[in-house]
């Protein structure tokens, strides 16, 4: 799915595509997510982001944060801390629980900040 959004200045493009490749999130040797059913979101001015279905994320290793943010193109995001043996990695994961209609495909999926985990792998 591809959506062109206009914020009053320039056209902002968001594309969401199913990704059949294996995507994994690994931090400190622990696999936090492992799926062949991620969605890859491509957005103007940003790196591609893999969104993981909750069924393929180790939810026992996540703790809901009180932090939220707002994206004018996707809606309000909720955040999760990554629970590790060394303590929490704060707000390392985000999700859109009620995204705007244009990006409804990512509803409830989880995305990880690459800078807050050791690896996000995409393999065949």
Protein backbone atom coordinates (compact mmCIF):
# COMPACT_ATOMS: atom_id res chain seq x y z
CA UNK A 1 0.00 0.00 0.00
CA UNK A 2 1.26 3.48 -0.81
CA UNK A 3 -0.11 6.70 0.59
CA UNK A 4 0.73 10.25 -0.39
CA UNK A 5 0.04 12.66 2.46
CA UNK A 6 0.24 16.42 2.29
CA UNK A 7 1.14 18.35 5.44
CA UNK A 8 0.63 21.73 3.81
CA UNK A 9 4.22 21.98 2.55
CA UNK A 10 5.50 19.04 0.56
CA UNK A 11 4.12 15.65 -0.30
CA UNK A 12 4.96 13.08 2.34
CA UNK A 13 4.99 9.49 1.12
CA UNK A 14 4.44 6.37 3.21
CA UNK A 15 4.55 2.88 1.71
CA UNK A 16 3.75 -0.28 3.67
CA UNK A 17 4.65 -3.63 2.16
CA UNK A 18 4.49 -7.19 3.48
CA UNK A 19 7.99 -8.58 3.99
CA UNK A 20 8.28 -12.35 3.53
CA UNK A 21 11.96 -12.34 4.49
CA UNK A 22 12.97 -13.44 7.99
CA UNK A 23 13.35 -10.42 10.27
CA UNK A 24 14.77 -10.73 13.78
CA UNK A 25 15.59 -8.38 16.63
CA UNK A 26 18.52 -9.53 18.77
CA UNK A 27 19.90 -7.76 21.83
CA UNK A 28 22.55 -9.11 24.20
CA UNK A 29 22.23 -12.52 22.55
CA UNK A 30 18.46 -12.70 23.20
CA UNK A 31 15.98 -12.85 20.32
CA UNK A 32 13.16 -10.39 21.03
CA UNK A 33 11.35 -10.83 17.71
CA UNK A 34 11.52 -13.39 14.92
CA UNK A 35 9.08 -13.39 11.99
CA UNK A 36 8.46 -14.03 8.32
CA UNK A 37 5.40 -11.73 8.53
CA UNK A 38 6.75 -8.24 9.18
CA UNK A 39 5.60 -5.12 7.41
CA UNK A 40 8.23 -2.76 6.02
CA UNK A 41 7.28 0.90 6.20
CA UNK A 42 9.10 3.30 3.91
CA UNK A 43 8.57 6.96 4.76
CA UNK A 44 9.87 10.18 3.23
CA UNK A 45 12.98 11.32 5.10
CA UNK A 46 13.35 8.19 7.26
CA UNK A 47 15.08 4.82 7.15
CA UNK A 48 12.86 1.80 6.44
CA UNK A 49 11.21 0.39 9.56
CA UNK A 50 10.21 -3.23 10.13
CA UNK A 51 6.96 -3.64 12.05
CA UNK A 52 6.60 -7.01 13.79
CA UNK A 53 3.32 -8.81 14.54
CA UNK A 54 2.89 -9.21 18.30
CA UNK A 55 2.54 -12.97 17.94
CA UNK A 56 6.19 -13.06 16.81
CA UNK A 57 7.55 -10.78 19.57
CA UNK A 58 8.60 -11.98 23.02
CA UNK A 59 6.08 -9.78 24.86
CA UNK A 60 7.30 -11.09 28.25
CA UNK A 61 10.51 -9.14 27.55
CA UNK A 62 8.64 -5.84 27.02
CA UNK A 63 7.15 -3.50 29.59
CA UNK A 64 4.68 -0.76 28.68
CA UNK A 65 6.09 2.75 29.13
CA UNK A 66 4.17 5.88 30.04
CA UNK A 67 5.91 7.68 27.13
CA UNK A 68 3.84 8.57 24.06
CA UNK A 69 4.46 10.60 20.92
CA UNK A 70 2.44 11.91 18.01
CA UNK A 71 3.20 11.59 14.30
CA UNK A 72 1.13 13.85 12.02
CA UNK A 73 1.07 11.05 9.42
CA UNK A 74 0.59 7.92 11.53
CA UNK A 75 -1.06 9.03 14.78
CA UNK A 76 -0.24 8.49 18.46
CA UNK A 77 2.48 6.00 19.38
CA UNK A 78 2.81 4.06 22.60
CA UNK A 79 6.18 2.80 23.83
CA UNK A 80 7.71 -0.20 25.57
CA UNK A 81 10.91 -0.76 27.51
CA UNK A 82 13.05 -3.71 26.49
CA UNK A 83 13.70 -5.86 29.57
CA UNK A 84 17.26 -7.22 29.68
CA UNK A 85 19.41 -8.92 32.30
CA UNK A 86 21.19 -5.57 32.72
CA UNK A 87 17.99 -3.59 33.24
CA UNK A 88 15.51 -1.86 30.98
CA UNK A 89 16.35 -0.24 27.67
CA UNK A 90 13.90 2.63 27.87
CA UNK A 91 11.41 3.28 25.10
CA UNK A 92 13.18 0.92 22.70
CA UNK A 93 9.94 -0.24 21.05
CA UNK A 94 6.90 1.60 19.74
CA UNK A 95 3.47 0.76 18.43
CA UNK A 96 0.49 2.52 16.91
CA UNK A 97 -2.58 1.12 18.67
CA UNK A 98 -5.03 3.33 16.76
CA UNK A 99 -3.19 4.64 13.69
CA UNK A 100 -4.72 6.90 11.11
CA UNK A 101 -6.75 5.13 8.40
CA UNK A 102 -4.01 5.66 5.79
CA UNK A 103 -1.61 3.42 7.77
CA UNK A 104 -4.10 1.06 9.44
CA UNK A 105 -1.98 -1.94 8.34
CA UNK A 106 0.53 -1.28 11.17
CA UNK A 107 -2.12 -1.26 13.90
CA UNK A 108 -0.82 -3.16 16.91
CA UNK A 109 2.47 -4.11 15.24
CA UNK A 110 5.73 -3.34 17.08
CA UNK A 111 8.83 -1.56 15.81
CA UNK A 112 12.27 -1.43 17.43
CA UNK A 113 14.73 1.48 17.42
CA UNK A 114 17.88 0.18 15.67
CA UNK A 115 20.00 2.41 17.92
CA UNK A 116 18.64 0.75 21.09
CA UNK A 117 19.13 -2.91 20.15
CA UNK A 118 22.23 -4.77 18.96
CA UNK A 119 20.81 -6.03 15.66
CA UNK A 120 17.79 -6.04 13.45
CA UNK A 121 18.50 -8.74 10.88
CA UNK A 122 16.73 -9.29 7.58
CA UNK A 123 17.63 -12.55 5.87
CA UNK A 124 16.12 -14.87 3.28
